[in-house]
Amino acid sequence: MPDSLAPLDRLMSTLAERAAERPAGSYTTKLLDGGADAIGKKIREEAEELIEAAGEAGADGRAHAVYEAGDLIYHTLVMLAWRGISLDEVAAELARREGTSGLAEKAARQSNDGLTK
């Protein structure tokens, strides 16, 4: 694993532990106890904040976008931990899609199940 991804791996390990143990007084435990609705609400909020920050000009806007991306990734990883999904599973899904046009992949999904995402 590249060194740059090691913090994500460590965070995911911590979140998986929190999901299993649910220590009192933990923000992560509070989110996990709220389930998909509570975690999803935070993901939506953080996504909006990232979009807003990305539109800010200059170095300060860039730094703000990096900060908000961290928040969004953290909350997304909490959702994965809540569902018992590992980063390896997500990486395998991305690898499966590698080299496939996003438009072609979406069209294949629509023809296979009639759903769009």
N, C-alpha and C. Protein backbone atom coordinates (compact mmCIF):
# COMPACT_ATOMS: atom_id res chain seq x y z
N MET A 1 0.85 -1.18 0.00
CA MET A 1 0.00 0.00 0.00
C MET A 1 0.89 1.24 0.00
N PRO A 2 0.55 2.21 -0.82
CA PRO A 2 1.34 3.45 -0.80
C PRO A 2 1.26 4.11 0.58
N ASP A 3 2.36 4.74 0.98
CA ASP A 3 2.39 5.40 2.29
C ASP A 3 1.28 6.42 2.43
N SER A 4 0.90 7.06 1.34
CA SER A 4 -0.14 8.09 1.41
C SER A 4 -1.50 7.52 1.80
N LEU A 5 -1.71 6.23 1.59
CA LEU A 5 -2.99 5.60 1.94
C LEU A 5 -2.98 4.97 3.33
N ALA A 6 -1.84 4.90 3.96
CA ALA A 6 -1.74 4.29 5.29
C ALA A 6 -2.66 4.95 6.31
N PRO A 7 -2.79 6.28 6.33
CA PRO A 7 -3.72 6.88 7.30
C PRO A 7 -5.17 6.43 7.09
N LEU A 8 -5.59 6.22 5.85
CA LEU A 8 -6.95 5.74 5.59
C LEU A 8 -7.12 4.32 6.13
N ASP A 9 -6.11 3.50 5.93
CA ASP A 9 -6.16 2.13 6.44
C ASP A 9 -6.22 2.12 7.96
N ARG A 10 -5.41 2.96 8.61
CA ARG A 10 -5.44 3.04 10.08
C ARG A 10 -6.79 3.55 10.57
N LEU A 11 -7.33 4.57 9.90
CA LEU A 11 -8.62 5.11 10.29
C LEU A 11 -9.70 4.04 10.14
N MET A 12 -9.69 3.31 9.04
CA MET A 12 -10.70 2.28 8.82
C MET A 12 -10.61 1.20 9.89
N SER A 13 -9.39 0.85 10.30
CA SER A 13 -9.23 -0.13 11.38
C SER A 13 -9.83 0.39 12.68
N THR A 14 -9.58 1.66 12.98
CA THR A 14 -10.14 2.27 14.19
C THR A 14 -11.66 2.29 14.12
N LEU A 15 -12.21 2.64 12.96
CA LEU A 15 -13.66 2.70 12.81
C LEU A 15 -14.29 1.32 12.94
N ALA A 16 -13.64 0.30 12.41
CA ALA A 16 -14.15 -1.06 12.54
C ALA A 16 -14.16 -1.49 14.01
N GLU A 17 -13.12 -1.10 14.74
CA GLU A 17 -13.09 -1.38 16.19
C GLU A 17 -14.24 -0.67 16.90
N ARG A 18 -14.43 0.60 16.57
CA ARG A 18 -15.52 1.37 17.19
C ARG A 18 -16.87 0.76 16.87
N ALA A 19 -17.03 0.29 15.65
CA ALA A 19 -18.30 -0.33 15.25
C ALA A 19 -18.56 -1.59 16.06
N ALA A 20 -17.49 -2.32 16.36
CA ALA A 20 -17.64 -3.56 17.13
C ALA A 20 -17.81 -3.30 18.62
N GLU A 21 -17.08 -2.32 19.15
CA GLU A 21 -17.03 -2.11 20.60
C GLU A 21 -17.96 -1.01 21.10
N ARG A 22 -18.26 -0.03 20.27
CA ARG A 22 -19.13 1.10 20.61
C ARG A 22 -18.76 1.76 21.95
N PRO A 23 -17.52 2.28 22.06
CA PRO A 23 -17.12 2.91 23.33
C PRO A 23 -17.95 4.16 23.63
N ALA A 24 -18.33 4.31 24.88
CA ALA A 24 -19.11 5.47 25.31
C ALA A 24 -18.30 6.75 25.13
N GLY A 25 -18.98 7.83 24.80
CA GLY A 25 -18.33 9.13 24.68
C GLY A 25 -17.62 9.36 23.36
N SER A 26 -17.75 8.43 22.42
CA SER A 26 -17.09 8.55 21.12
C SER A 26 -18.06 9.15 20.11
N TYR A 27 -17.59 10.15 19.36
CA TYR A 27 -18.40 10.74 18.28
C TYR A 27 -18.74 9.67 17.25
N THR A 28 -17.78 8.81 16.95
CA THR A 28 -18.02 7.74 15.99
C THR A 28 -19.11 6.81 16.49
N THR A 29 -19.09 6.47 17.77
CA THR A 29 -20.14 5.62 18.34
C THR A 29 -21.50 6.27 18.19
N LYS A 30 -21.57 7.58 18.45
CA LYS A 30 -22.83 8.31 18.30
C LYS A 30 -23.35 8.19 16.87
N LEU A 31 -22.47 8.38 15.90
CA LEU A 31 -22.87 8.24 14.51
C LEU A 31 -23.34 6.82 14.21
N LEU A 32 -22.55 5.85 14.62
CA LEU A 32 -22.88 4.44 14.37
C LEU A 32 -24.23 4.08 14.98
N ASP A 33 -24.48 4.55 16.18
CA ASP A 33 -25.74 4.26 16.86
C ASP A 33 -26.93 4.90 16.12
N GLY A 34 -26.68 5.97 15.39
CA GLY A 34 -27.73 6.62 14.61
C GLY A 34 -28.07 5.90 13.32
N GLY A 35 -27.21 4.98 12.92
CA GLY A 35 -27.46 4.19 11.73
C GLY A 35 -27.29 4.96 10.44
N ALA A 36 -27.81 4.36 9.38
CA ALA A 36 -27.63 4.92 8.03
C ALA A 36 -28.21 6.32 7.92
N ASP A 37 -29.33 6.59 8.58
CA ASP A 37 -29.93 7.92 8.47
C ASP A 37 -29.03 9.00 9.05
N ALA A 38 -28.51 8.78 10.26
CA ALA A 38 -27.65 9.78 10.91
C ALA A 38 -26.33 9.94 10.17
N ILE A 39 -25.75 8.83 9.79
CA ILE A 39 -24.47 8.90 9.06
C ILE A 39 -24.70 9.54 7.70
N GLY A 40 -25.76 9.16 7.03
CA GLY A 40 -26.08 9.73 5.72
C GLY A 40 -26.31 11.22 5.78
N LYS A 41 -26.95 11.68 6.84
CA LYS A 41 -27.17 13.13 7.00
C LYS A 41 -25.84 13.86 7.06
N LYS A 42 -24.88 13.30 7.79
CA LYS A 42 -23.56 13.92 7.88
C LYS A 42 -22.82 13.85 6.54
N ILE A 43 -22.96 12.75 5.82
CA ILE A 43 -22.31 12.64 4.51
C ILE A 43 -22.86 13.72 3.58
N ARG A 44 -24.17 13.90 3.56
CA ARG A 44 -24.77 14.94 2.71
C ARG A 44 -24.26 16.33 3.10
N GLU A 45 -24.22 16.58 4.40
CA GLU A 45 -23.75 17.89 4.90
C GLU A 45 -22.30 18.13 4.48
N GLU A 46 -21.46 17.12 4.68
CA GLU A 46 -20.04 17.27 4.36
C GLU A 46 -19.82 17.38 2.85
N ALA A 47 -20.63 16.69 2.05
CA ALA A 47 -20.52 16.81 0.60
C ALA A 47 -20.84 18.23 0.15
N GLU A 48 -21.89 18.81 0.71
CA GLU A 48 -22.24 20.20 0.38
C GLU A 48 -21.12 21.15 0.77
N GLU A 49 -20.52 20.93 1.95
CA GLU A 49 -19.44 21.79 2.40
C GLU A 49 -18.22 21.66 1.49
N LEU A 50 -17.95 20.46 1.02
CA LEU A 50 -16.83 20.27 0.09
C LEU A 50 -17.09 20.99 -1.23
N ILE A 51 -18.30 20.88 -1.73
CA ILE A 51 -18.64 21.56 -2.98
C ILE A 51 -18.48 23.07 -2.83
N GLU A 52 -18.96 23.62 -1.74
CA GLU A 52 -18.83 25.05 -1.50
C GLU A 52 -17.36 25.45 -1.39
N ALA A 53 -16.58 24.67 -0.62
CA ALA A 53 -15.16 24.99 -0.43
C ALA A 53 -14.40 24.90 -1.75
N ALA A 54 -14.75 23.93 -2.60
CA ALA A 54 -14.06 23.77 -3.88
C ALA A 54 -14.26 24.98 -4.77
N GLY A 55 -15.35 25.70 -4.57
CA GLY A 55 -15.62 26.89 -5.37
C GLY A 55 -14.95 28.14 -4.85
N GLU A 56 -14.31 28.05 -3.70
CA GLU A 56 -13.62 29.21 -3.14
C GLU A 56 -12.28 29.42 -3.85
N ALA A 57 -11.94 30.65 -4.07
CA ALA A 57 -10.73 30.98 -4.82
C ALA A 57 -9.47 30.88 -3.97
N GLY A 58 -8.36 30.72 -4.67
CA GLY A 58 -7.04 30.84 -4.06
C GLY A 58 -6.61 29.69 -3.18
N ALA A 59 -5.47 29.89 -2.54
CA ALA A 59 -4.88 28.87 -1.68
C ALA A 59 -5.75 28.57 -0.47
N ASP A 60 -6.41 29.60 0.08
CA ASP A 60 -7.28 29.36 1.23
C ASP A 60 -8.47 28.48 0.84
N GLY A 61 -9.02 28.71 -0.34
CA GLY A 61 -10.11 27.87 -0.82
C GLY A 61 -9.67 26.44 -1.05
N ARG A 62 -8.47 26.30 -1.59
CA ARG A 62 -7.92 24.96 -1.81
C ARG A 62 -7.73 24.24 -0.48
N ALA A 63 -7.15 24.93 0.50
CA ALA A 63 -6.94 24.33 1.82
C ALA A 63 -8.27 23.97 2.47
N HIS A 64 -9.27 24.82 2.30
CA HIS A 64 -10.59 24.54 2.85
C HIS A 64 -11.19 23.30 2.18
N ALA A 65 -11.00 23.15 0.87
CA ALA A 65 -11.51 21.97 0.16
C ALA A 65 -10.83 20.70 0.67
N VAL A 66 -9.53 20.76 0.91
CA VAL A 66 -8.81 19.60 1.46
C VAL A 66 -9.40 19.23 2.82
N TYR A 67 -9.62 20.22 3.66
CA TYR A 67 -10.19 19.99 5.00
C TYR A 67 -11.57 19.34 4.89
N GLU A 68 -12.41 19.88 4.03
CA GLU A 68 -13.77 19.34 3.88
C GLU A 68 -13.75 17.95 3.25
N ALA A 69 -12.81 17.70 2.35
CA ALA A 69 -12.68 16.36 1.77
C ALA A 69 -12.34 15.35 2.86
N GLY A 70 -11.50 15.75 3.80
CA GLY A 70 -11.19 14.88 4.93
C GLY A 70 -12.43 14.54 5.73
N ASP A 71 -13.27 15.54 5.98
CA ASP A 71 -14.52 15.30 6.71
C ASP A 71 -15.44 14.35 5.94
N LEU A 72 -15.55 14.56 4.64
CA LEU A 72 -16.42 13.72 3.82
C LEU A 72 -15.91 12.28 3.80
N ILE A 73 -14.61 12.12 3.63
CA ILE A 73 -14.04 10.77 3.61
C ILE A 73 -14.23 10.09 4.96
N TYR A 74 -13.99 10.81 6.06
CA TYR A 74 -14.20 10.23 7.40
C TYR A 74 -15.64 9.71 7.54
N HIS A 75 -16.61 10.54 7.21
CA HIS A 75 -18.00 10.14 7.40
C HIS A 75 -18.39 9.00 6.44
N THR A 76 -17.82 8.99 5.25
CA THR A 76 -18.06 7.88 4.32
C THR A 76 -17.48 6.59 4.90
N LEU A 77 -16.30 6.67 5.49
CA LEU A 77 -15.71 5.48 6.10
C LEU A 77 -16.52 4.99 7.30
N VAL A 78 -17.13 5.92 8.04
CA VAL A 78 -18.01 5.52 9.14
C VAL A 78 -19.17 4.70 8.58
N MET A 79 -19.75 5.14 7.46
CA MET A 79 -20.85 4.38 6.85
C MET A 79 -20.38 2.99 6.46
N LEU A 80 -19.19 2.92 5.87
CA LEU A 80 -18.65 1.61 5.49
C LEU A 80 -18.49 0.72 6.73
N ALA A 81 -17.94 1.28 7.79
CA ALA A 81 -17.76 0.50 9.03
C ALA A 81 -19.11 0.05 9.57
N TRP A 82 -20.10 0.92 9.51
CA TRP A 82 -21.44 0.57 10.00
C TRP A 82 -22.00 -0.63 9.23
N ARG A 83 -21.73 -0.65 7.92
CA ARG A 83 -22.21 -1.75 7.07
C ARG A 83 -21.26 -2.95 7.07
N GLY A 84 -20.10 -2.81 7.72
CA GLY A 84 -19.14 -3.91 7.73
C GLY A 84 -18.43 -4.08 6.41
N ILE A 85 -18.26 -2.98 5.68
CA ILE A 85 -17.58 -3.00 4.38
C ILE A 85 -16.15 -2.53 4.56
N SER A 86 -15.21 -3.28 4.03
CA SER A 86 -13.79 -2.91 4.16
C SER A 86 -13.34 -2.05 2.98
N LEU A 87 -12.25 -1.34 3.20
CA LEU A 87 -11.65 -0.58 2.10
C LEU A 87 -11.19 -1.50 0.98
N ASP A 88 -10.77 -2.71 1.33
CA ASP A 88 -10.36 -3.67 0.31
C ASP A 88 -11.51 -4.00 -0.62
N GLU A 89 -12.74 -4.09 -0.08
CA GLU A 89 -13.90 -4.37 -0.93
C GLU A 89 -14.17 -3.21 -1.89
N VAL A 90 -14.03 -1.99 -1.38
CA VAL A 90 -14.25 -0.82 -2.23
C VAL A 90 -13.15 -0.75 -3.28
N ALA A 91 -11.91 -1.02 -2.89
CA ALA A 91 -10.80 -1.01 -3.85
C ALA A 91 -11.02 -2.07 -4.93
N ALA A 92 -11.53 -3.24 -4.54
CA ALA A 92 -11.79 -4.29 -5.52
C ALA A 92 -12.88 -3.87 -6.50
N GLU A 93 -13.89 -3.17 -6.01
CA GLU A 93 -14.95 -2.67 -6.89
C GLU A 93 -14.39 -1.64 -7.87
N LEU A 94 -13.54 -0.76 -7.37
CA LEU A 94 -12.93 0.24 -8.27
C LEU A 94 -12.03 -0.44 -9.29
N ALA A 95 -11.29 -1.46 -8.85
CA ALA A 95 -10.43 -2.20 -9.79
C ALA A 95 -11.27 -2.90 -10.85
N ARG A 96 -12.43 -3.41 -10.46
CA ARG A 96 -13.32 -4.07 -11.41
C ARG A 96 -13.76 -3.10 -12.50
N ARG A 97 -13.96 -1.85 -12.13
CA ARG A 97 -14.42 -0.83 -13.07
C ARG A 97 -13.29 -0.21 -13.89
N GLU A 98 -12.06 -0.44 -13.46
CA GLU A 98 -10.91 0.20 -14.10
C GLU A 98 -10.88 -0.12 -15.59
N GLY A 99 -10.67 0.92 -16.38
CA GLY A 99 -10.60 0.74 -17.82
C GLY A 99 -11.96 0.73 -18.50
N THR A 100 -13.02 0.87 -17.70
CA THR A 100 -14.37 0.91 -18.26
C THR A 100 -14.87 2.34 -18.22
N SER A 101 -15.38 2.82 -19.31
CA SER A 101 -15.95 4.15 -19.35
C SER A 101 -17.10 4.23 -18.36
N GLY A 102 -17.15 5.31 -17.60
CA GLY A 102 -18.24 5.51 -16.66
C GLY A 102 -19.58 5.53 -17.36
N LEU A 103 -19.62 6.09 -18.56
CA LEU A 103 -20.88 6.13 -19.32
C LEU A 103 -21.29 4.72 -19.76
N ALA A 104 -20.31 3.92 -20.18
CA ALA A 104 -20.60 2.55 -20.59
C ALA A 104 -21.05 1.72 -19.39
N GLU A 105 -20.41 1.92 -18.26
CA GLU A 105 -20.76 1.17 -17.05
C GLU A 105 -22.18 1.51 -16.62
N LYS A 106 -22.54 2.78 -16.68
CA LYS A 106 -23.89 3.21 -16.30
C LYS A 106 -24.92 2.63 -17.27
N ALA A 107 -24.62 2.65 -18.55
CA ALA A 107 -25.53 2.10 -19.55
C ALA A 107 -25.74 0.60 -19.33
N ALA A 108 -24.68 -0.11 -18.98
CA ALA A 108 -24.80 -1.55 -18.72
C ALA A 108 -25.68 -1.81 -17.51
N ARG A 109 -25.54 -0.97 -16.48
CA ARG A 109 -26.40 -1.12 -15.30
C ARG A 109 -27.85 -0.90 -15.66
N GLN A 110 -28.13 0.11 -16.46
CA GLN A 110 -29.50 0.42 -16.85
C GLN A 110 -30.11 -0.72 -17.65
N SER A 111 -29.33 -1.32 -18.55
CA SER A 111 -29.88 -2.39 -19.37
C SER A 111 -30.03 -3.68 -18.57
N ASN A 112 -29.22 -3.86 -17.52
CA ASN A 112 -29.29 -5.07 -16.71
C ASN A 112 -30.42 -5.04 -15.68
N ASP A 113 -30.66 -3.86 -15.10
CA ASP A 113 -31.66 -3.85 -14.02
C ASP A 113 -32.66 -2.71 -14.12
N GLY A 114 -32.54 -1.88 -15.13
CA GLY A 114 -33.49 -0.80 -15.30
C GLY A 114 -33.33 0.33 -14.30
N LEU A 115 -32.30 0.28 -13.46
CA LEU A 115 -32.08 1.31 -12.45
C LEU A 115 -30.94 2.21 -12.86
N THR A 116 -31.00 3.43 -12.42
CA THR A 116 -29.89 4.37 -12.59
C THR A 116 -29.40 4.78 -11.24
N LYS A 117 -28.14 5.12 -11.20
CA LYS A 117 -27.57 5.57 -9.93
C LYS A 117 -26.88 6.88 -10.14
